[in-house]
C-alpha cells in the first residue's frame, strides 16, 4: 500500500500541480490509515479494504479526539486515493465516497490586538544581522498578510522598495500587495546591514530572507522564531505565523477596508473565505453605530 501511496502522490504532483504542503498532508493521512489497517491485519490488501474498515478508521479518529478539520481532511485524502485506485482499475468501488465528513463550525480566527502586534514587532531590537532580518520579516508579514510560505520564498526581485509593494507568488497567480513605511524602513535596514552577512559564502543567492547559514529558511524555522518573540513580548495567547495574517485582515476590516480588496491581498479565491473576518468588523461597526446614531 505504501508504494501505491507514493505513486498516488507523484500523480497528484505531475497532473494536478499540487503544492508540497498538500502532498505532505495527503501522504501523512494515508500512511496513518495504512498503520491502522496493518494493526488489524498484518497482511493488509488494499484491494479488499471494505467500507466497514474505512468507517471504523473514521470512528477511531473520533475516539482518539482528532479535530473535525483533521477528520475531514483525512476523509478527503481517502476519497482521492481510492478514486485514483478506481481509475487504475485496482478496485471496483470507491467506498470512501460514502464516508460522511463531520460538520465543521467556522471559528473566528485567533488574532492579536494592535497593542500586542506593536509589542511583538518591537522584540527584534538589536542591530545584529539576524534581528534585522527577523524585524523585517515580521513587519512585512503584518504589513501584507501574506502566507508564511510566500514570505520565506520571496526573492530580491519580488520587492519594490521605491513603490512600496511586494509581488507574492501564489500557485495559481501572482498578486501585488502594498506595504507601509514601517515595513519599508525595516526592509532597508536589513538589506543594508544584515542580508549580506547572513549569506556568508552564498553571495549569488537571490533569496530575500536566508537562514543563518545562508540557505533558504524553513516554515518550522520561522514558526520557532515568531513563537520566541511572542513569548518575549508577553503575549499569552497561542501565536503562529498565521496569527499575523489573521490580524492583518481583521484590523483592515475593523478600520473599514473593502472586503473585496482584502480578499485580493490575502489571495482568497472565494470571498466567503474572507467573510470570516467580518465578525470582528461587524462588532466595530456596531460600536460606531451605537455611539454616532441619534436613535441607537
Protein backbone atom coordinates (compact mmCIF):
# COMPACT_ATOMS: atom_id res chain seq x y z
CA UNK A 1 0.00 0.00 0.00
CA UNK A 2 2.86 2.39 0.76
CA UNK A 3 4.15 2.03 -2.80
CA UNK A 4 0.67 2.87 -4.09
CA UNK A 5 0.56 5.93 -1.85
CA UNK A 6 3.88 7.11 -3.30
CA UNK A 7 2.56 6.60 -6.84
CA UNK A 8 -0.63 8.49 -5.98
CA UNK A 9 1.33 11.44 -4.58
CA UNK A 10 3.52 11.51 -7.68
CA UNK A 11 0.43 11.53 -9.88
CA UNK A 12 -1.01 14.45 -7.91
CA UNK A 13 2.23 16.37 -8.34
CA UNK A 14 2.51 15.76 -12.08
CA UNK A 15 -1.12 16.01 -13.20
CA UNK A 16 -2.64 18.43 -10.69
CA UNK A 17 0.40 20.52 -9.76
CA UNK A 18 -0.40 20.22 -6.05
CA UNK A 19 1.64 22.14 -3.50
CA UNK A 20 4.25 20.39 -1.36
CA UNK A 21 2.16 21.09 1.75
CA UNK A 22 -0.88 19.38 0.19
CA UNK A 23 1.21 16.40 -0.83
CA UNK A 24 2.71 16.09 2.65
CA UNK A 25 -0.79 16.18 4.19
CA UNK A 26 -2.14 13.50 1.84
CA UNK A 27 0.84 11.26 2.44
CA UNK A 28 0.65 11.65 6.22
CA UNK A 29 -3.11 10.95 6.28
CA UNK A 30 -2.82 7.86 4.10
CA UNK A 31 0.16 6.44 5.97
CA UNK A 32 -1.82 6.75 9.21
CA UNK A 33 -4.68 4.85 7.57
CA UNK A 34 -2.20 2.17 6.45
CA UNK A 35 -0.80 1.86 10.00
CA UNK A 36 -4.34 1.43 11.36
CA UNK A 37 -5.25 -1.23 8.80
CA UNK A 38 -1.95 -3.04 9.31
CA UNK A 39 -2.59 -3.30 13.05
CA UNK A 40 -5.87 -5.04 12.28
CA UNK A 41 -4.38 -7.25 9.57
CA UNK A 42 -0.62 -7.52 9.10
CA UNK A 43 -1.15 -8.69 5.50
CA UNK A 44 -3.46 -5.84 4.56
CA UNK A 45 -4.52 -5.96 0.92
CA UNK A 46 -5.65 -2.64 -0.48
CA UNK A 47 -7.96 -4.36 -2.98
CA UNK A 48 -10.03 -5.86 -0.17
CA UNK A 49 -10.37 -2.79 2.08
CA UNK A 50 -14.07 -2.57 2.86
CA UNK A 51 -16.44 0.26 3.57
CA UNK A 52 -16.65 -1.01 7.15
CA UNK A 53 -12.87 -0.78 7.55
CA UNK A 54 -12.88 2.85 6.43
CA UNK A 55 -15.83 3.70 8.66
CA UNK A 56 -14.04 2.01 11.55
CA UNK A 57 -10.98 4.17 10.94
CA UNK A 58 -13.07 7.37 10.95
CA UNK A 59 -14.69 6.20 14.20
CA UNK A 60 -11.20 5.58 15.61
CA UNK A 61 -10.14 9.14 14.73
CA UNK A 62 -13.17 10.43 16.63
CA UNK A 63 -12.40 8.20 19.61
CA UNK A 64 -8.84 9.50 19.98
CA UNK A 65 -10.07 13.08 19.86
CA UNK A 66 -8.99 14.24 16.42
CA UNK A 67 -10.45 17.61 15.44
CA UNK A 68 -13.29 17.71 12.87
CA UNK A 69 -11.00 19.54 10.45
CA UNK A 70 -8.40 16.76 10.75
CA UNK A 71 -11.01 14.05 10.20
CA UNK A 72 -12.49 15.89 7.21
CA UNK A 73 -9.05 16.22 5.65
CA UNK A 74 -8.37 12.51 6.25
CA UNK A 75 -11.64 11.59 4.54
CA UNK A 76 -10.78 13.85 1.60
CA UNK A 77 -7.39 12.12 1.33
CA UNK A 78 -9.06 8.69 1.33
CA UNK A 79 -11.61 9.73 -1.30
CA UNK A 80 -8.86 11.00 -3.60
CA UNK A 81 -6.61 7.95 -3.05
CA UNK A 82 -9.28 5.30 -3.56
CA UNK A 83 -10.59 7.29 -6.53
CA UNK A 84 -7.09 7.01 -8.01
CA UNK A 85 -7.13 3.23 -7.43
CA UNK A 86 -10.51 3.02 -9.21
CA UNK A 87 -9.11 4.88 -12.20
CA UNK A 88 -6.21 2.44 -12.31
CA UNK A 89 -8.63 -0.50 -12.25
CA UNK A 90 -7.21 -1.84 -8.99
CA UNK A 91 -10.54 -1.67 -7.17
CA UNK A 92 -14.12 -1.59 -8.45
CA UNK A 93 -15.78 0.70 -5.90
CA UNK A 94 -14.54 3.78 -4.06
CA UNK A 95 -16.11 3.13 -0.65
CA UNK A 96 -14.55 6.32 0.70
CA UNK A 97 -17.12 8.32 -1.26
CA UNK A 98 -19.75 7.10 1.21
CA UNK A 99 -17.89 8.45 4.24
CA UNK A 100 -19.51 11.49 5.84
CA UNK A 101 -17.26 14.28 7.00
CA UNK A 102 -18.08 15.87 10.38
CA UNK A 103 -19.70 19.27 10.40
CA UNK A 104 -17.11 21.99 10.82
CA UNK A 105 -18.09 25.18 12.60
CA UNK A 106 -16.07 28.07 11.29
CA UNK A 107 -14.47 29.88 14.18
CA UNK A 108 -13.29 33.44 14.19
CA UNK A 109 -9.52 33.24 13.70
CA UNK A 110 -7.28 33.97 16.67
CA UNK A 111 -5.86 37.46 16.29
CA UNK A 112 -3.67 39.89 18.18
CA UNK A 113 -4.72 43.34 19.28
CA UNK A 114 -2.91 46.30 17.72
CA UNK A 115 -1.11 46.75 21.04
CA UNK A 116 0.06 43.12 21.03
CA UNK A 117 1.24 43.44 17.42
CA UNK A 118 3.24 46.55 18.36
CA UNK A 119 4.83 44.68 21.25
CA UNK A 120 5.70 41.73 19.01
CA UNK A 121 7.26 43.89 16.29
CA UNK A 122 9.45 45.67 18.83
CA UNK A 123 11.14 42.48 20.04
CA UNK A 124 13.87 42.17 17.40
CA UNK A 125 15.51 45.42 18.50
CA UNK A 126 19.22 44.64 18.22
CA UNK A 127 21.19 45.61 15.14
CA UNK A 128 22.52 42.11 14.51
CA UNK A 129 22.05 40.64 11.01
CA UNK A 130 19.62 38.04 12.39
CA UNK A 131 17.45 40.51 14.29
CA UNK A 132 17.43 42.95 11.38
CA UNK A 133 16.14 40.07 9.24
CA UNK A 134 13.60 39.00 11.85
CA UNK A 135 12.34 42.57 12.28
CA UNK A 136 11.90 42.95 8.53
CA UNK A 137 10.10 39.60 8.21
CA UNK A 138 7.64 40.35 11.00
CA UNK A 139 6.96 43.87 9.73
CA UNK A 140 6.41 42.67 6.17
CA UNK A 141 4.22 39.76 7.27
CA UNK A 142 1.90 42.05 9.23
CA UNK A 143 2.02 44.76 6.54
CA UNK A 144 0.94 42.42 3.75
CA UNK A 145 -0.86 39.45 5.32
CA UNK A 146 0.98 37.05 3.04
CA UNK A 147 1.27 33.36 3.82
CA UNK A 148 4.40 32.09 5.54
CA UNK A 149 5.46 30.02 2.54
CA UNK A 150 5.13 33.12 0.37
CA UNK A 151 7.26 35.11 2.81
CA UNK A 152 10.14 32.65 3.13
CA UNK A 153 10.30 32.09 -0.65
CA UNK A 154 10.48 35.78 -1.59
CA UNK A 155 13.30 36.82 -3.91
CA UNK A 156 15.08 40.16 -4.09
CA UNK A 157 13.33 41.00 -7.34
CA UNK A 158 9.91 40.48 -5.72
CA UNK A 159 10.24 43.64 -3.63
CA UNK A 160 9.91 47.17 -4.98
CA UNK A 161 11.10 49.44 -2.18
CA UNK A 162 10.65 52.67 -4.11
CA UNK A 163 6.98 52.00 -4.94
CA UNK A 164 6.39 50.09 -1.68
CA UNK A 165 4.92 46.84 -2.93
CA UNK A 166 5.80 43.16 -2.94
CA UNK A 167 4.96 40.51 -5.53
CA UNK A 168 3.55 37.36 -3.89
CA UNK A 169 3.85 34.13 -5.84
CA UNK A 170 0.71 32.10 -5.26
CA UNK A 171 0.45 28.74 -7.04
CA UNK A 172 -2.50 29.97 -9.12
CA UNK A 173 -1.49 33.55 -9.83
CA UNK A 174 0.84 36.25 -8.61
CA UNK A 175 -0.54 39.21 -6.70
CA UNK A 176 0.82 42.61 -5.78
CA UNK A 177 0.45 43.80 -2.17
CA UNK A 178 1.41 47.26 -0.93
CA UNK A 179 3.29 47.80 2.32
CA UNK A 180 3.78 50.85 4.52
CA UNK A 181 6.56 52.99 5.93
CA UNK A 182 7.46 50.78 8.91
CA UNK A 183 7.94 47.69 6.76
CA UNK A 184 9.91 49.78 4.27
CA UNK A 185 12.19 51.14 6.97
CA UNK A 186 12.87 47.69 8.40
CA UNK A 187 13.49 46.28 4.92
CA UNK A 188 16.01 48.98 4.01
CA UNK A 189 17.94 48.48 7.26
CA UNK A 190 18.02 44.74 6.76
CA UNK A 191 19.18 44.94 3.14
CA UNK A 192 21.86 47.48 4.00
CA UNK A 193 23.30 45.96 7.17
CA UNK A 194 22.03 42.37 7.55
CA UNK A 195 21.43 40.29 4.45
CA UNK A 196 24.97 40.10 3.05
CA UNK A 197 26.32 38.92 6.40
CA UNK A 198 23.72 36.16 6.62
CA UNK A 199 24.52 34.93 3.12
CA UNK A 200 28.11 34.13 4.18
CA UNK A 201 29.70 32.49 1.14
CA UNK A 202 26.41 32.18 -0.77
CA UNK A 203 26.63 35.70 -2.20
CA UNK A 204 24.94 34.89 -5.51
CA UNK A 205 21.68 33.80 -3.84
CA UNK A 206 18.61 35.93 -4.59
CA UNK A 207 16.66 34.68 -1.55
CA UNK A 208 15.38 37.72 0.30
CA UNK A 209 15.39 36.17 3.76
CA UNK A 210 18.12 33.49 4.10
CA UNK A 211 18.62 31.49 7.27
CA UNK A 212 21.74 31.95 9.40
CA UNK A 213 23.65 29.53 7.16
CA UNK A 214 22.86 31.47 4.00
CA UNK A 215 20.29 28.95 2.74
CA UNK A 216 16.51 29.05 2.46
CA UNK A 217 14.53 29.38 5.68
CA UNK A 218 12.05 26.64 6.56
CA UNK A 219 8.47 27.06 7.76
CA UNK A 220 9.47 25.41 11.03
CA UNK A 221 12.35 27.85 11.43
CA UNK A 222 10.09 30.85 11.09
CA UNK A 223 7.47 29.25 13.36
CA UNK A 224 10.06 28.93 16.14
CA UNK A 225 11.17 32.50 15.51
CA UNK A 226 7.72 34.03 15.93
CA UNK A 227 6.94 31.86 18.97
CA UNK A 228 10.13 33.08 20.64
CA UNK A 229 9.38 36.75 20.02
CA UNK A 230 5.77 36.28 21.10
CA UNK A 231 6.97 34.91 24.42
CA UNK A 232 9.37 37.83 24.87
CA UNK A 233 6.53 40.25 24.12
CA UNK A 234 4.47 38.73 26.93
CA UNK A 235 1.70 37.54 24.62
CA UNK A 236 -0.23 34.85 26.47
CA UNK A 237 -2.39 33.56 23.63
CA UNK A 238 -1.19 30.96 21.14
CA UNK A 239 0.75 32.63 18.35
CA UNK A 240 1.64 31.19 14.96
CA UNK A 241 2.80 32.75 11.69
CA UNK A 242 -0.83 32.67 10.54
CA UNK A 243 -1.81 34.79 13.56
CA UNK A 244 -0.25 37.85 11.93
CA UNK A 245 -2.08 37.09 8.68
CA UNK A 246 -5.38 36.91 10.55
CA UNK A 247 -4.53 40.08 12.49
CA UNK A 248 -3.69 41.91 9.26
CA UNK A 249 -7.09 41.04 7.76
CA UNK A 250 -9.08 41.69 10.92
CA UNK A 251 -7.50 45.08 11.56
CA UNK A 252 -8.14 46.14 7.96
CA UNK A 253 -11.81 45.15 8.14
CA UNK A 254 -12.27 46.78 11.54
CA UNK A 255 -10.98 50.03 10.09
CA UNK A 256 -13.36 50.00 7.16
CA UNK A 257 -11.36 48.29 4.39
CA UNK A 258 -13.35 46.98 1.43
CA UNK A 259 -13.77 43.22 1.78
CA UNK A 260 -13.04 42.64 -1.92
CA UNK A 261 -9.70 44.45 -1.58
CA UNK A 262 -8.83 42.37 1.50
CA UNK A 263 -9.72 39.22 -0.45
CA UNK A 264 -7.32 40.20 -3.24
CA UNK A 265 -4.48 40.97 -0.82
CA UNK A 266 -4.94 37.66 1.01
CA UNK A 267 -5.16 35.72 -2.25
CA UNK A 268 -8.50 34.06 -1.40
CA UNK A 269 -10.18 32.55 -4.46
CA UNK A 270 -13.61 32.77 -2.81
CA UNK A 271 -14.79 35.84 -0.92
CA UNK A 272 -16.70 33.61 1.51
CA UNK A 273 -13.31 32.67 2.97
CA UNK A 274 -12.59 36.35 3.60
CA UNK A 275 -16.01 36.98 5.14
CA UNK A 276 -14.96 35.21 8.34
CA UNK A 277 -13.15 38.43 9.25
CA UNK A 278 -16.46 40.32 9.17
CA UNK A 279 -17.28 39.07 12.66
CA UNK A 280 -14.77 41.42 14.20
CA UNK A 281 -15.58 44.10 11.66
CA UNK A 282 -19.29 43.98 12.44
CA UNK A 283 -18.53 44.42 16.12
CA UNK A 284 -16.61 47.58 15.33
CA UNK A 285 -19.41 48.81 13.06
CA UNK A 286 -21.96 48.25 15.82
CA UNK A 287 -19.84 50.21 18.29
CA UNK A 288 -19.55 53.13 15.88
CA UNK A 289 -23.28 52.99 15.17
CA UNK A 290 -24.17 52.94 18.87
CA UNK A 291 -22.04 55.99 19.54
CA UNK A 292 -22.96 58.01 16.48
CA UNK A 293 -26.60 57.32 15.59
CA UNK A 294 -29.13 59.53 17.40
CA UNK A 295 -31.67 56.71 17.62
CA UNK A 296 -29.25 53.95 18.58
